[in-house]
Amino acid sequence: MFRLVIQWLLSAIALLLVSRLVPGFFVQNFSAAMLAAVVIGFLNATLGFLMRVVTFPLVILTFGLFLLVINGAMLLLASRFVPGFYIYGIMPAFWGAVVLSLLGMVIRVVVKDA
């Protein structure tokens, strides 16, 4: 339970960092980042999983780079549901997915050691 809470907090902080680094990617405050982290996690676990299964041949063909497009689409979809979390266009969503993927690797290392 403790690891889940730590991962949730670190994911929200990662969203705030991405909003500072990627133009067109905005998070108004920490509570919006917390809610966005939950919604993104839910979307990735449900619709994202389905999209990964359906597009598996394309993912293999692009050596996994298409997963960034799927992650960007999940970010865009989450921004439609969460007030205070806005992404203006597919390119900010793509670059946000790239930065979040890199930060996610760091988060997994931190949470694993906690």
N, C-alpha and C. Protein backbone atom coordinates (compact mmCIF):
# COMPACT_ATOMS: atom_id res chain seq x y z
N MET A 1 0.82 -1.19 0.00
CA MET A 1 0.00 0.00 0.00
C MET A 1 0.87 1.26 0.00
N PHE A 2 1.95 1.21 0.81
CA PHE A 2 2.85 2.35 0.90
C PHE A 2 3.50 2.64 -0.46
N ARG A 3 3.92 1.58 -1.17
CA ARG A 3 4.54 1.76 -2.48
C ARG A 3 3.57 2.37 -3.48
N LEU A 4 2.31 1.98 -3.39
CA LEU A 4 1.30 2.52 -4.30
C LEU A 4 1.12 4.02 -4.08
N VAL A 5 1.07 4.45 -2.84
CA VAL A 5 0.92 5.87 -2.52
C VAL A 5 2.15 6.64 -2.98
N ILE A 6 3.34 6.09 -2.74
CA ILE A 6 4.58 6.74 -3.17
C ILE A 6 4.61 6.87 -4.69
N GLN A 7 4.23 5.81 -5.39
CA GLN A 7 4.22 5.85 -6.85
C GLN A 7 3.20 6.87 -7.36
N TRP A 8 2.06 6.96 -6.72
CA TRP A 8 1.03 7.94 -7.10
C TRP A 8 1.56 9.36 -6.92
N LEU A 9 2.18 9.64 -5.78
CA LEU A 9 2.73 10.97 -5.53
C LEU A 9 3.84 11.31 -6.52
N LEU A 10 4.73 10.35 -6.79
CA LEU A 10 5.82 10.59 -7.73
C LEU A 10 5.30 10.77 -9.16
N SER A 11 4.24 10.07 -9.51
CA SER A 11 3.65 10.24 -10.84
C SER A 11 3.03 11.63 -10.98
N ALA A 12 2.40 12.11 -9.93
CA ALA A 12 1.84 13.47 -9.95
C ALA A 12 2.95 14.51 -10.08
N ILE A 13 4.04 14.30 -9.36
CA ILE A 13 5.18 15.22 -9.46
C ILE A 13 5.78 15.16 -10.86
N ALA A 14 5.84 13.97 -11.44
CA ALA A 14 6.35 13.83 -12.81
C ALA A 14 5.48 14.61 -13.79
N LEU A 15 4.16 14.58 -13.61
CA LEU A 15 3.27 15.35 -14.47
C LEU A 15 3.54 16.85 -14.33
N LEU A 16 3.78 17.30 -13.12
CA LEU A 16 4.10 18.71 -12.90
C LEU A 16 5.42 19.08 -13.58
N LEU A 17 6.40 18.18 -13.52
CA LEU A 17 7.69 18.43 -14.19
C LEU A 17 7.52 18.49 -15.70
N VAL A 18 6.72 17.59 -16.24
CA VAL A 18 6.49 17.59 -17.69
C VAL A 18 5.81 18.88 -18.11
N SER A 19 4.91 19.39 -17.27
CA SER A 19 4.22 20.63 -17.62
C SER A 19 5.20 21.81 -17.67
N ARG A 20 6.29 21.71 -16.94
CA ARG A 20 7.33 22.76 -16.99
C ARG A 20 8.25 22.60 -18.20
N LEU A 21 8.39 21.38 -18.69
CA LEU A 21 9.36 21.10 -19.75
C LEU A 21 8.77 21.11 -21.16
N VAL A 22 7.52 20.71 -21.30
CA VAL A 22 6.92 20.53 -22.63
C VAL A 22 5.92 21.65 -22.89
N PRO A 23 6.17 22.47 -23.92
CA PRO A 23 5.18 23.50 -24.25
C PRO A 23 3.88 22.86 -24.75
N GLY A 24 2.75 23.40 -24.32
CA GLY A 24 1.45 22.87 -24.71
C GLY A 24 0.92 21.81 -23.76
N PHE A 25 1.65 21.52 -22.70
CA PHE A 25 1.29 20.51 -21.70
C PHE A 25 1.15 21.27 -20.38
N PHE A 26 -0.08 21.39 -19.86
CA PHE A 26 -0.33 22.21 -18.68
C PHE A 26 -1.02 21.44 -17.57
N VAL A 27 -0.52 21.62 -16.35
CA VAL A 27 -1.16 21.11 -15.15
C VAL A 27 -1.28 22.29 -14.21
N GLN A 28 -2.51 22.63 -13.81
CA GLN A 28 -2.73 23.84 -13.02
C GLN A 28 -2.16 23.76 -11.61
N ASN A 29 -2.39 22.63 -10.93
CA ASN A 29 -1.94 22.53 -9.54
C ASN A 29 -1.71 21.07 -9.19
N PHE A 30 -1.27 20.86 -7.94
CA PHE A 30 -0.93 19.51 -7.51
C PHE A 30 -2.14 18.60 -7.43
N SER A 31 -3.29 19.12 -7.04
CA SER A 31 -4.48 18.27 -6.96
C SER A 31 -4.92 17.81 -8.35
N ALA A 32 -4.79 18.68 -9.35
CA ALA A 32 -5.09 18.27 -10.73
C ALA A 32 -4.09 17.21 -11.19
N ALA A 33 -2.84 17.34 -10.78
CA ALA A 33 -1.83 16.35 -11.13
C ALA A 33 -2.13 15.00 -10.47
N MET A 34 -2.60 15.04 -9.23
CA MET A 34 -2.96 13.79 -8.53
C MET A 34 -4.12 13.08 -9.23
N LEU A 35 -5.15 13.85 -9.57
CA LEU A 35 -6.30 13.27 -10.27
C LEU A 35 -5.89 12.77 -11.66
N ALA A 36 -5.07 13.54 -12.36
CA ALA A 36 -4.61 13.12 -13.68
C ALA A 36 -3.78 11.84 -13.61
N ALA A 37 -2.97 11.69 -12.57
CA ALA A 37 -2.19 10.47 -12.42
C ALA A 37 -3.09 9.25 -12.25
N VAL A 38 -4.18 9.40 -11.51
CA VAL A 38 -5.13 8.29 -11.33
C VAL A 38 -5.82 7.96 -12.65
N VAL A 39 -6.29 9.00 -13.35
CA VAL A 39 -7.00 8.78 -14.61
C VAL A 39 -6.07 8.17 -15.66
N ILE A 40 -4.86 8.67 -15.75
CA ILE A 40 -3.89 8.12 -16.72
C ILE A 40 -3.60 6.66 -16.39
N GLY A 41 -3.42 6.35 -15.11
CA GLY A 41 -3.19 4.96 -14.71
C GLY A 41 -4.35 4.06 -15.07
N PHE A 42 -5.57 4.54 -14.83
CA PHE A 42 -6.76 3.75 -15.17
C PHE A 42 -6.87 3.54 -16.69
N LEU A 43 -6.65 4.62 -17.45
CA LEU A 43 -6.74 4.50 -18.91
C LEU A 43 -5.66 3.57 -19.46
N ASN A 44 -4.46 3.65 -18.92
CA ASN A 44 -3.39 2.77 -19.39
C ASN A 44 -3.68 1.31 -19.05
N ALA A 45 -4.31 1.08 -17.91
CA ALA A 45 -4.61 -0.29 -17.50
C ALA A 45 -5.76 -0.90 -18.29
N THR A 46 -6.65 -0.09 -18.81
CA THR A 46 -7.83 -0.61 -19.52
C THR A 46 -7.69 -0.40 -21.02
N LEU A 47 -7.98 0.79 -21.48
CA LEU A 47 -7.97 1.09 -22.91
C LEU A 47 -6.57 1.00 -23.50
N GLY A 48 -5.57 1.43 -22.74
CA GLY A 48 -4.18 1.36 -23.21
C GLY A 48 -3.74 -0.08 -23.45
N PHE A 49 -4.13 -0.96 -22.54
CA PHE A 49 -3.80 -2.38 -22.71
C PHE A 49 -4.44 -2.93 -23.98
N LEU A 50 -5.71 -2.59 -24.19
CA LEU A 50 -6.41 -3.06 -25.38
C LEU A 50 -5.74 -2.53 -26.65
N MET A 51 -5.35 -1.26 -26.64
CA MET A 51 -4.68 -0.68 -27.81
C MET A 51 -3.32 -1.33 -28.06
N ARG A 52 -2.61 -1.69 -27.00
CA ARG A 52 -1.32 -2.35 -27.17
C ARG A 52 -1.49 -3.74 -27.79
N VAL A 53 -2.54 -4.43 -27.39
CA VAL A 53 -2.80 -5.76 -27.94
C VAL A 53 -3.18 -5.66 -29.42
N VAL A 54 -4.07 -4.71 -29.74
CA VAL A 54 -4.55 -4.57 -31.12
C VAL A 54 -3.42 -4.11 -32.05
N THR A 55 -2.56 -3.22 -31.58
CA THR A 55 -1.51 -2.66 -32.43
C THR A 55 -0.17 -3.38 -32.27
N PHE A 56 -0.18 -4.57 -31.70
CA PHE A 56 1.06 -5.29 -31.46
C PHE A 56 1.93 -5.45 -32.72
N PRO A 57 1.36 -5.81 -33.88
CA PRO A 57 2.21 -5.91 -35.07
C PRO A 57 2.89 -4.58 -35.44
N LEU A 58 2.18 -3.48 -35.28
CA LEU A 58 2.76 -2.17 -35.57
C LEU A 58 3.85 -1.82 -34.57
N VAL A 59 3.65 -2.21 -33.32
CA VAL A 59 4.66 -1.96 -32.29
C VAL A 59 5.93 -2.74 -32.63
N ILE A 60 5.79 -3.99 -33.05
CA ILE A 60 6.95 -4.80 -33.44
C ILE A 60 7.64 -4.18 -34.66
N LEU A 61 6.85 -3.75 -35.64
CA LEU A 61 7.41 -3.17 -36.86
C LEU A 61 8.19 -1.89 -36.59
N THR A 62 7.77 -1.10 -35.60
CA THR A 62 8.44 0.17 -35.29
C THR A 62 9.40 0.03 -34.12
N PHE A 63 9.72 -1.20 -33.74
CA PHE A 63 10.65 -1.48 -32.63
C PHE A 63 10.19 -0.83 -31.33
N GLY A 64 8.90 -0.77 -31.11
CA GLY A 64 8.34 -0.27 -29.86
C GLY A 64 8.06 1.22 -29.82
N LEU A 65 8.47 1.96 -30.84
CA LEU A 65 8.26 3.40 -30.82
C LEU A 65 6.78 3.78 -30.90
N PHE A 66 5.96 2.91 -31.48
CA PHE A 66 4.53 3.21 -31.56
C PHE A 66 3.89 3.25 -30.17
N LEU A 67 4.53 2.64 -29.18
CA LEU A 67 4.01 2.70 -27.81
C LEU A 67 3.97 4.14 -27.31
N LEU A 68 4.90 4.98 -27.78
CA LEU A 68 4.88 6.39 -27.39
C LEU A 68 3.66 7.10 -27.97
N VAL A 69 3.25 6.70 -29.16
CA VAL A 69 2.04 7.27 -29.76
C VAL A 69 0.81 6.85 -28.95
N ILE A 70 0.77 5.59 -28.54
CA ILE A 70 -0.34 5.10 -27.71
C ILE A 70 -0.36 5.84 -26.37
N ASN A 71 0.80 6.01 -25.75
CA ASN A 71 0.87 6.73 -24.48
C ASN A 71 0.44 8.18 -24.65
N GLY A 72 0.84 8.80 -25.76
CA GLY A 72 0.40 10.17 -26.04
C GLY A 72 -1.11 10.26 -26.21
N ALA A 73 -1.69 9.26 -26.87
CA ALA A 73 -3.15 9.23 -27.04
C ALA A 73 -3.85 9.08 -25.69
N MET A 74 -3.28 8.27 -24.80
CA MET A 74 -3.87 8.11 -23.47
C MET A 74 -3.77 9.41 -22.67
N LEU A 75 -2.67 10.15 -22.84
CA LEU A 75 -2.54 11.45 -22.18
C LEU A 75 -3.57 12.43 -22.70
N LEU A 76 -3.74 12.47 -24.03
CA LEU A 76 -4.75 13.36 -24.63
C LEU A 76 -6.14 13.02 -24.12
N LEU A 77 -6.45 11.75 -24.07
CA LEU A 77 -7.77 11.33 -23.60
C LEU A 77 -7.96 11.71 -22.13
N ALA A 78 -6.94 11.52 -21.32
CA ALA A 78 -7.04 11.88 -19.90
C ALA A 78 -7.24 13.39 -19.74
N SER A 79 -6.62 14.17 -20.61
CA SER A 79 -6.76 15.63 -20.49
C SER A 79 -8.18 16.09 -20.80
N ARG A 80 -8.95 15.26 -21.48
CA ARG A 80 -10.35 15.60 -21.76
C ARG A 80 -11.25 15.41 -20.54
N PHE A 81 -10.81 14.56 -19.59
CA PHE A 81 -11.63 14.22 -18.44
C PHE A 81 -11.24 14.96 -17.16
N VAL A 82 -10.00 15.40 -17.07
CA VAL A 82 -9.49 15.97 -15.81
C VAL A 82 -9.47 17.49 -15.89
N PRO A 83 -10.23 18.16 -15.05
CA PRO A 83 -10.16 19.63 -15.04
C PRO A 83 -8.82 20.07 -14.45
N GLY A 84 -8.20 21.06 -15.09
CA GLY A 84 -6.90 21.54 -14.65
C GLY A 84 -5.73 20.85 -15.31
N PHE A 85 -6.01 19.89 -16.20
CA PHE A 85 -4.97 19.16 -16.93
C PHE A 85 -5.28 19.31 -18.41
N TYR A 86 -4.42 20.04 -19.12
CA TYR A 86 -4.69 20.36 -20.53
C TYR A 86 -3.48 20.02 -21.39
N ILE A 87 -3.76 19.41 -22.54
CA ILE A 87 -2.73 19.16 -23.54
C ILE A 87 -3.28 19.70 -24.86
N TYR A 88 -2.52 20.61 -25.47
CA TYR A 88 -2.96 21.27 -26.68
C TYR A 88 -2.25 20.69 -27.90
N GLY A 89 -2.74 19.55 -28.39
CA GLY A 89 -2.23 18.97 -29.62
C GLY A 89 -1.55 17.64 -29.42
N ILE A 90 -1.32 16.97 -30.53
CA ILE A 90 -0.72 15.64 -30.50
C ILE A 90 0.78 15.70 -30.23
N MET A 91 1.46 16.75 -30.71
CA MET A 91 2.91 16.83 -30.47
C MET A 91 3.24 17.06 -28.99
N PRO A 92 2.56 17.97 -28.29
CA PRO A 92 2.83 18.05 -26.85
C PRO A 92 2.50 16.74 -26.12
N ALA A 93 1.47 16.03 -26.58
CA ALA A 93 1.14 14.74 -25.96
C ALA A 93 2.25 13.73 -26.22
N PHE A 94 2.78 13.71 -27.45
CA PHE A 94 3.86 12.78 -27.79
C PHE A 94 5.10 13.07 -26.95
N TRP A 95 5.52 14.35 -26.93
CA TRP A 95 6.72 14.69 -26.17
C TRP A 95 6.50 14.53 -24.67
N GLY A 96 5.29 14.78 -24.22
CA GLY A 96 4.96 14.52 -22.83
C GLY A 96 5.08 13.04 -22.50
N ALA A 97 4.65 12.18 -23.45
CA ALA A 97 4.77 10.73 -23.25
C ALA A 97 6.24 10.31 -23.20
N VAL A 98 7.07 10.94 -24.03
CA VAL A 98 8.50 10.62 -24.01
C VAL A 98 9.11 10.97 -22.65
N VAL A 99 8.85 12.19 -22.19
CA VAL A 99 9.42 12.64 -20.92
C VAL A 99 8.84 11.83 -19.76
N LEU A 100 7.54 11.55 -19.79
CA LEU A 100 6.94 10.74 -18.73
C LEU A 100 7.49 9.32 -18.72
N SER A 101 7.79 8.77 -19.88
CA SER A 101 8.39 7.44 -19.93
C SER A 101 9.75 7.43 -19.27
N LEU A 102 10.55 8.46 -19.54
CA LEU A 102 11.87 8.55 -18.92
C LEU A 102 11.75 8.74 -17.41
N LEU A 103 10.85 9.61 -16.99
CA LEU A 103 10.64 9.82 -15.56
C LEU A 103 10.04 8.58 -14.90
N GLY A 104 9.22 7.85 -15.64
CA GLY A 104 8.63 6.62 -15.13
C GLY A 104 9.68 5.57 -14.80
N MET A 105 10.75 5.53 -15.61
CA MET A 105 11.84 4.60 -15.32
C MET A 105 12.50 4.95 -13.99
N VAL A 106 12.70 6.24 -13.76
CA VAL A 106 13.29 6.69 -12.50
C VAL A 106 12.35 6.38 -11.34
N ILE A 107 11.06 6.61 -11.52
CA ILE A 107 10.08 6.34 -10.46
C ILE A 107 10.07 4.86 -10.10
N ARG A 108 10.13 3.99 -11.10
CA ARG A 108 10.12 2.55 -10.82
C ARG A 108 11.34 2.14 -9.99
N VAL A 109 12.49 2.75 -10.26
CA VAL A 109 13.69 2.44 -9.48
C VAL A 109 13.53 2.93 -8.04
N VAL A 110 12.99 4.14 -7.87
CA VAL A 110 12.80 4.70 -6.53
C VAL A 110 11.79 3.88 -5.73
N VAL A 111 10.68 3.52 -6.36
CA VAL A 111 9.62 2.79 -5.66
C VAL A 111 10.09 1.37 -5.34
N LYS A 112 10.88 0.78 -6.22
CA LYS A 112 11.37 -0.57 -5.98
C LYS A 112 12.26 -0.60 -4.74
N ASP A 113 13.03 0.45 -4.54
CA ASP A 113 13.93 0.51 -3.39
C ASP A 113 13.22 0.92 -2.10
N ALA A 114 12.00 1.46 -2.22
CA ALA A 114 11.30 1.94 -1.01
C ALA A 114 10.71 0.80 -0.22
